[in-house]
Amino acid sequence: MNDLKQSSKKLNRLTDKDVRIVYLPPMTVATYKYVGDEPEMHCSEIITNFVCETKLIEVKPDVRHFGFNAPNPDETGYHGYEMWVTIPDNMEVKEPIVKKQFEGGLYAAHMIPFGAFAEWEWLGEWINNNSKYEANRENKGHECMWGCLEEHLNYINHINLLNINPEEIQLDLLHPIKERII
């Protein structure tokens, strides 16, 4: 039994080959946040409508799509989610969409199939045990998931295929990092 537990520990962790170090540049984003029942689905509907109505893919063919858990400001039991799409700097947005500036930075990235969110823990453990990098949560609180993001990979293709199968979606888990001071 002990051998099985040890094997499981080795399998349920990330190695250096499982994590990429990426720099996200500063970006202008259109964002929508929702707290309530099924917030990810609600945010997705609003953001998808925004992308389609503004023909964002034609205006910005390098559009990127991010999301993260957002805390619930009340005690209703619901959780929240915030979703972003990158937009041109000069693009105007209308409520309920909000325009924000994302400062960018250095991130540890790990790709997962949609639904494998338990791997957030694995990414955190990789960072905690890394000799070169450490978590960078400066000026990032729980209201923005401590700076962690989930990037929907191949977003443009999925927007163009009106019927998206969740099993086909891949996400990058993105955790802000900085070089460890030794």
C-alpha atoms as a PDB file:
ATOM      1  CA  MET A   1       0.000   0.000   0.000  1.00  0.00           C
ATOM      2  CA  ASN A   2       2.872   2.329   0.829  1.00  0.00           C
ATOM      3  CA  ASP A   3       4.408   1.680  -2.606  1.00  0.00           C
ATOM      4  CA  LEU A   4       1.097   2.588  -4.272  1.00  0.00           C
ATOM      5  CA  LYS A   5       0.913   5.846  -2.320  1.00  0.00           C
ATOM      6  CA  GLN A   6       4.478   6.722  -3.324  1.00  0.00           C
ATOM      7  CA  SER A   7       3.758   5.914  -6.984  1.00  0.00           C
ATOM      8  CA  SER A   8       0.619   8.035  -6.865  1.00  0.00           C
ATOM      9  CA  LYS A   9       2.601  10.969  -5.431  1.00  0.00           C
ATOM     10  CA  LYS A  10       5.090  10.702  -8.291  1.00  0.00           C
ATOM     11  CA  LEU A  11       2.349  10.513 -10.916  1.00  0.00           C
ATOM     12  CA  ASN A  12       0.301  13.382  -9.467  1.00  0.00           C
ATOM     13  CA  ARG A  13       2.992  16.022  -9.667  1.00  0.00           C
ATOM     14  CA  LEU A  14       4.538  18.123 -12.371  1.00  0.00           C
ATOM     15  CA  THR A  15       8.125  18.000 -13.544  1.00  0.00           C
ATOM     16  CA  ASP A  16      10.070  20.715 -15.375  1.00  0.00           C
ATOM     17  CA  LYS A  17       9.012  19.244 -18.717  1.00  0.00           C
ATOM     18  CA  ASP A  18       5.334  19.786 -17.774  1.00  0.00           C
ATOM     19  CA  VAL A  19       5.700  23.517 -17.078  1.00  0.00           C
ATOM     20  CA  ARG A  20       6.578  26.324 -19.484  1.00  0.00           C
ATOM     21  CA  ILE A  21       7.817  29.741 -18.395  1.00  0.00           C
ATOM     22  CA  VAL A  22       6.022  32.410 -20.427  1.00  0.00           C
ATOM     23  CA  TYR A  23       5.870  36.177 -20.475  1.00  0.00           C
ATOM     24  CA  LEU A  24       2.428  37.695 -20.978  1.00  0.00           C
ATOM     25  CA  PRO A  25       2.728  41.209 -22.413  1.00  0.00           C
ATOM     26  CA  PRO A  26       0.586  44.087 -21.152  1.00  0.00           C
ATOM     27  CA  MET A  27      -2.845  43.919 -22.803  1.00  0.00           C
ATOM     28  CA  THR A  28      -6.103  45.804 -22.996  1.00  0.00           C
ATOM     29  CA  VAL A  29      -9.003  43.512 -22.135  1.00  0.00           C
ATOM     30  CA  ALA A  30     -12.775  43.578 -22.244  1.00  0.00           C
ATOM     31  CA  THR A  31     -14.003  41.887 -19.099  1.00  0.00           C
ATOM     32  CA  TYR A  32     -17.209  40.652 -17.549  1.00  0.00           C
ATOM     33  CA  LYS A  33     -17.668  39.378 -13.985  1.00  0.00           C
ATOM     34  CA  TYR A  34     -20.648  37.457 -12.651  1.00  0.00           C
ATOM     35  CA  VAL A  35     -21.446  36.038  -9.215  1.00  0.00           C
ATOM     36  CA  GLY A  36     -24.315  33.573  -9.124  1.00  0.00           C
ATOM     37  CA  ASP A  37     -25.449  30.223 -10.400  1.00  0.00           C
ATOM     38  CA  GLU A  38     -23.146  28.820 -13.127  1.00  0.00           C
ATOM     39  CA  PRO A  39     -20.993  31.965 -13.430  1.00  0.00           C
ATOM     40  CA  GLU A  40     -18.605  30.483 -16.025  1.00  0.00           C
ATOM     41  CA  MET A  41     -21.496  29.742 -18.385  1.00  0.00           C
ATOM     42  CA  HIS A  42     -23.043  33.174 -17.798  1.00  0.00           C
ATOM     43  CA  CYS A  43     -19.710  34.956 -18.435  1.00  0.00           C
ATOM     44  CA  SER A  44     -19.111  32.859 -21.533  1.00  0.00           C
ATOM     45  CA  GLU A  45     -22.478  33.857 -23.017  1.00  0.00           C
ATOM     46  CA  ILE A  46     -21.865  37.564 -22.435  1.00  0.00           C
ATOM     47  CA  ILE A  47     -18.274  37.494 -23.727  1.00  0.00           C
ATOM     48  CA  THR A  48     -19.160  35.331 -26.747  1.00  0.00           C
ATOM     49  CA  ASN A  49     -21.968  37.753 -27.667  1.00  0.00           C
ATOM     50  CA  PHE A  50     -19.541  40.664 -27.309  1.00  0.00           C
ATOM     51  CA  VAL A  51     -16.962  38.935 -29.537  1.00  0.00           C
ATOM     52  CA  CYS A  52     -19.574  38.149 -32.204  1.00  0.00           C
ATOM     53  CA  GLU A  53     -21.387  41.519 -32.146  1.00  0.00           C
ATOM     54  CA  THR A  54     -18.152  43.525 -32.370  1.00  0.00           C
ATOM     55  CA  LYS A  55     -16.643  41.141 -34.946  1.00  0.00           C
ATOM     56  CA  LEU A  56     -13.648  41.113 -32.616  1.00  0.00           C
ATOM     57  CA  ILE A  57     -11.942  38.233 -34.418  1.00  0.00           C
ATOM     58  CA  GLU A  58     -11.842  40.298 -37.623  1.00  0.00           C
ATOM     59  CA  VAL A  59     -10.674  43.421 -35.771  1.00  0.00           C
ATOM     60  CA  LYS A  60      -8.133  41.585 -33.616  1.00  0.00           C
ATOM     61  CA  PRO A  61      -7.161  38.234 -35.177  1.00  0.00           C
ATOM     62  CA  ASP A  62      -4.731  37.586 -32.294  1.00  0.00           C
ATOM     63  CA  VAL A  63      -7.493  37.744 -29.652  1.00  0.00           C
ATOM     64  CA  ARG A  64      -6.815  35.856 -26.429  1.00  0.00           C
ATOM     65  CA  HIS A  65      -9.345  34.598 -23.884  1.00  0.00           C
ATOM     66  CA  PHE A  66      -8.746  34.372 -20.111  1.00  0.00           C
ATOM     67  CA  GLY A  67     -10.796  33.649 -17.020  1.00  0.00           C
ATOM     68  CA  PHE A  68     -10.457  33.163 -13.292  1.00  0.00           C
ATOM     69  CA  ASN A  69     -12.516  32.525 -10.182  1.00  0.00           C
ATOM     70  CA  ALA A  70     -13.740  35.684  -8.488  1.00  0.00           C
ATOM     71  CA  PRO A  71     -14.866  35.661  -4.857  1.00  0.00           C
ATOM     72  CA  ASN A  72     -18.414  36.106  -3.772  1.00  0.00           C
ATOM     73  CA  PRO A  73     -18.899  39.408  -1.936  1.00  0.00           C
ATOM     74  CA  ASP A  74     -21.955  38.090  -0.071  1.00  0.00           C
ATOM     75  CA  GLU A  75     -22.995  34.920   1.706  1.00  0.00           C
ATOM     76  CA  THR A  76     -25.401  33.493  -0.882  1.00  0.00           C
ATOM     77  CA  GLY A  77     -23.245  30.420  -1.425  1.00  0.00           C
ATOM     78  CA  TYR A  78     -22.585  31.251  -5.071  1.00  0.00           C
ATOM     79  CA  HIS A  79     -19.114  31.721  -6.449  1.00  0.00           C
ATOM     80  CA  GLY A  80     -18.063  34.172  -9.101  1.00  0.00           C
ATOM     81  CA  TYR A  81     -16.062  34.144 -12.288  1.00  0.00           C
ATOM     82  CA  GLU A  82     -14.450  36.859 -14.400  1.00  0.00           C
ATOM     83  CA  MET A  83     -13.698  36.441 -18.102  1.00  0.00           C
ATOM     84  CA  TRP A  84     -11.501  38.542 -20.381  1.00  0.00           C
ATOM     85  CA  VAL A  85     -10.851  38.872 -24.098  1.00  0.00           C
ATOM     86  CA  THR A  86      -8.070  41.024 -25.459  1.00  0.00           C
ATOM     87  CA  ILE A  87      -9.170  44.025 -27.504  1.00  0.00           C
ATOM     88  CA  PRO A  88      -7.451  46.821 -29.434  1.00  0.00           C
ATOM     89  CA  ASP A  89      -6.282  49.615 -27.113  1.00  0.00           C
ATOM     90  CA  ASN A  90      -8.632  52.154 -28.715  1.00  0.00           C
ATOM     91  CA  MET A  91     -11.750  49.951 -28.742  1.00  0.00           C
ATOM     92  CA  GLU A  92     -14.765  51.269 -26.831  1.00  0.00           C
ATOM     93  CA  VAL A  93     -16.930  48.868 -24.825  1.00  0.00           C
ATOM     94  CA  LYS A  94     -20.442  49.216 -23.409  1.00  0.00           C
ATOM     95  CA  GLU A  95     -21.833  47.939 -20.129  1.00  0.00           C
ATOM     96  CA  PRO A  96     -22.001  45.309 -18.852  1.00  0.00           C
ATOM     97  CA  ILE A  97     -18.541  44.859 -20.401  1.00  0.00           C
ATOM     98  CA  VAL A  98     -15.716  46.769 -18.702  1.00  0.00           C
ATOM     99  CA  LYS A  99     -12.410  47.803 -20.266  1.00  0.00           C
ATOM    100  CA  LYS A 100      -9.261  47.118 -18.204  1.00  0.00           C
ATOM    101  CA  GLN A 101      -5.503  47.188 -18.569  1.00  0.00           C
ATOM    102  CA  PHE A 102      -3.634  43.990 -17.711  1.00  0.00           C
ATOM    103  CA  GLU A 103      -0.032  44.641 -16.689  1.00  0.00           C
ATOM    104  CA  GLY A 104       1.322  41.299 -17.932  1.00  0.00           C
ATOM    105  CA  GLY A 105       4.276  39.542 -16.377  1.00  0.00           C
ATOM    106  CA  LEU A 106       6.085  36.249 -15.988  1.00  0.00           C
ATOM    107  CA  TYR A 107       4.004  33.090 -15.554  1.00  0.00           C
ATOM    108  CA  ALA A 108       4.416  29.371 -15.025  1.00  0.00           C
ATOM    109  CA  ALA A 109       2.122  27.719 -17.598  1.00  0.00           C
ATOM    110  CA  HIS A 110       0.714  24.186 -17.580  1.00  0.00           C
ATOM    111  CA  MET A 111      -1.753  22.927 -20.206  1.00  0.00           C
ATOM    112  CA  ILE A 112      -4.747  20.858 -19.107  1.00  0.00           C
ATOM    113  CA  PRO A 113      -7.790  19.423 -20.841  1.00  0.00           C
ATOM    114  CA  PHE A 114     -10.956  21.222 -19.742  1.00  0.00           C
ATOM    115  CA  GLY A 115     -12.037  19.981 -16.337  1.00  0.00           C
ATOM    116  CA  ALA A 116      -8.644  18.906 -14.932  1.00  0.00           C
ATOM    117  CA  PHE A 117      -8.647  21.795 -12.460  1.00  0.00           C
ATOM    118  CA  ALA A 118      -7.098  19.666  -9.699  1.00  0.00           C
ATOM    119  CA  GLU A 119      -3.836  20.289 -11.537  1.00  0.00           C
ATOM    120  CA  TRP A 120      -3.823  23.843 -10.145  1.00  0.00           C
ATOM    121  CA  GLU A 121      -2.536  22.211  -6.948  1.00  0.00           C
ATOM    122  CA  TRP A 122       0.184  20.409  -8.894  1.00  0.00           C
ATOM    123  CA  LEU A 123       1.301  23.680 -10.492  1.00  0.00           C
ATOM    124  CA  GLY A 124       1.422  25.362  -7.079  1.00  0.00           C
ATOM    125  CA  GLU A 125       3.532  22.518  -5.702  1.00  0.00           C
ATOM    126  CA  TRP A 126       5.906  22.756  -8.691  1.00  0.00           C
ATOM    127  CA  ILE A 127       6.385  26.470  -7.978  1.00  0.00           C
ATOM    128  CA  ASN A 128       6.858  25.918  -4.235  1.00  0.00           C
ATOM    129  CA  ASN A 129       9.542  23.295  -4.909  1.00  0.00           C
ATOM    130  CA  ASN A 130      11.294  25.173  -7.717  1.00  0.00           C
ATOM    131  CA  SER A 131      14.799  26.449  -7.029  1.00  0.00           C
ATOM    132  CA  LYS A 132      14.704  29.181  -9.704  1.00  0.00           C
ATOM    133  CA  TYR A 133      11.163  30.631  -9.454  1.00  0.00           C
ATOM    134  CA  GLU A 134       8.695  31.497  -6.723  1.00  0.00           C
ATOM    135  CA  ALA A 135       5.080  32.678  -6.682  1.00  0.00           C
ATOM    136  CA  ASN A 136       4.561  36.374  -7.396  1.00  0.00           C
ATOM    137  CA  ARG A 137       1.409  37.480  -5.628  1.00  0.00           C
ATOM    138  CA  GLU A 138       2.505  41.058  -4.961  1.00  0.00           C
ATOM    139  CA  ASN A 139      -0.464  43.422  -5.306  1.00  0.00           C
ATOM    140  CA  LYS A 140      -2.694  40.478  -6.230  1.00  0.00           C
ATOM    141  CA  GLY A 141      -5.437  39.446  -3.825  1.00  0.00           C
ATOM    142  CA  HIS A 142      -8.180  36.865  -3.679  1.00  0.00           C
ATOM    143  CA  GLU A 143     -10.476  39.140  -5.746  1.00  0.00           C
ATOM    144  CA  CYS A 144      -8.434  38.189  -8.822  1.00  0.00           C
ATOM    145  CA  MET A 145      -7.422  34.630  -7.840  1.00  0.00           C
ATOM    146  CA  TRP A 146      -4.006  35.945  -6.698  1.00  0.00           C
ATOM    147  CA  GLY A 147      -3.120  36.782 -10.301  1.00  0.00           C
ATOM    148  CA  CYS A 148      -3.674  33.237 -11.598  1.00  0.00           C
ATOM    149  CA  LEU A 149      -5.397  32.931 -14.961  1.00  0.00           C
ATOM    150  CA  GLU A 150      -6.889  30.224 -17.139  1.00  0.00           C
ATOM    151  CA  GLU A 151      -6.308  30.843 -20.841  1.00  0.00           C
ATOM    152  CA  HIS A 152      -8.617  29.156 -23.333  1.00  0.00           C
ATOM    153  CA  LEU A 153      -6.284  27.862 -26.037  1.00  0.00           C
ATOM    154  CA  ASN A 154      -7.363  27.959 -29.687  1.00  0.00           C
ATOM    155  CA  TYR A 155     -10.218  30.273 -28.741  1.00  0.00           C
ATOM    156  CA  ILE A 156     -10.762  31.647 -32.245  1.00  0.00           C
ATOM    157  CA  ASN A 157     -11.351  28.184 -33.673  1.00  0.00           C
ATOM    158  CA  HIS A 158     -13.843  27.388 -30.927  1.00  0.00           C
ATOM    159  CA  ILE A 159     -15.746  30.647 -31.486  1.00  0.00           C
ATOM    160  CA  ASN A 160     -15.976  29.850 -35.201  1.00  0.00           C
ATOM    161  CA  LEU A 161     -17.328  26.325 -34.471  1.00  0.00           C
ATOM    162  CA  LEU A 162     -20.637  27.297 -32.925  1.00  0.00           C
ATOM    163  CA  ASN A 163     -21.046  23.892 -31.245  1.00  0.00           C
ATOM    164  CA  ILE A 164     -18.134  23.445 -28.806  1.00  0.00           C
ATOM    165  CA  ASN A 165     -17.519  20.093 -27.141  1.00  0.00           C
ATOM    166  CA  PRO A 166     -16.002  20.780 -23.665  1.00  0.00           C
ATOM    167  CA  GLU A 167     -13.798  17.670 -23.959  1.00  0.00           C
ATOM    168  CA  GLU A 168     -11.992  19.335 -26.870  1.00  0.00           C
ATOM    169  CA  ILE A 169     -11.109  22.513 -24.967  1.00  0.00           C
ATOM    170  CA  GLN A 170      -7.570  22.962 -23.707  1.00  0.00           C
ATOM    171  CA  LEU A 171      -6.573  25.537 -21.116  1.00  0.00           C
ATOM    172  CA  ASP A 172      -3.290  26.915 -19.900  1.00  0.00           C
ATOM    173  CA  LEU A 173      -3.182  27.318 -16.146  1.00  0.00           C
ATOM    174  CA  LEU A 174      -1.112  30.468 -15.634  1.00  0.00           C
ATOM    175  CA  HIS A 175       0.441  31.246 -12.244  1.00  0.00           C
ATOM    176  CA  PRO A 176       2.390  34.517 -11.764  1.00  0.00           C
ATOM    177  CA  ILE A 177       6.024  33.916 -10.820  1.00  0.00           C
ATOM    178  CA  LYS A 178       9.269  35.798 -10.327  1.00  0.00           C
ATOM    179  CA  GLU A 179      12.865  34.695 -10.111  1.00  0.00           C
ATOM    180  CA  ARG A 180      13.758  33.477  -6.651  1.00  0.00           C
ATOM    181  CA  ILE A 181      16.233  35.703  -4.835  1.00  0.00           C
ATOM    182  CA  ILE A 182      19.004  33.525  -3.503  1.00  0.00           C
END
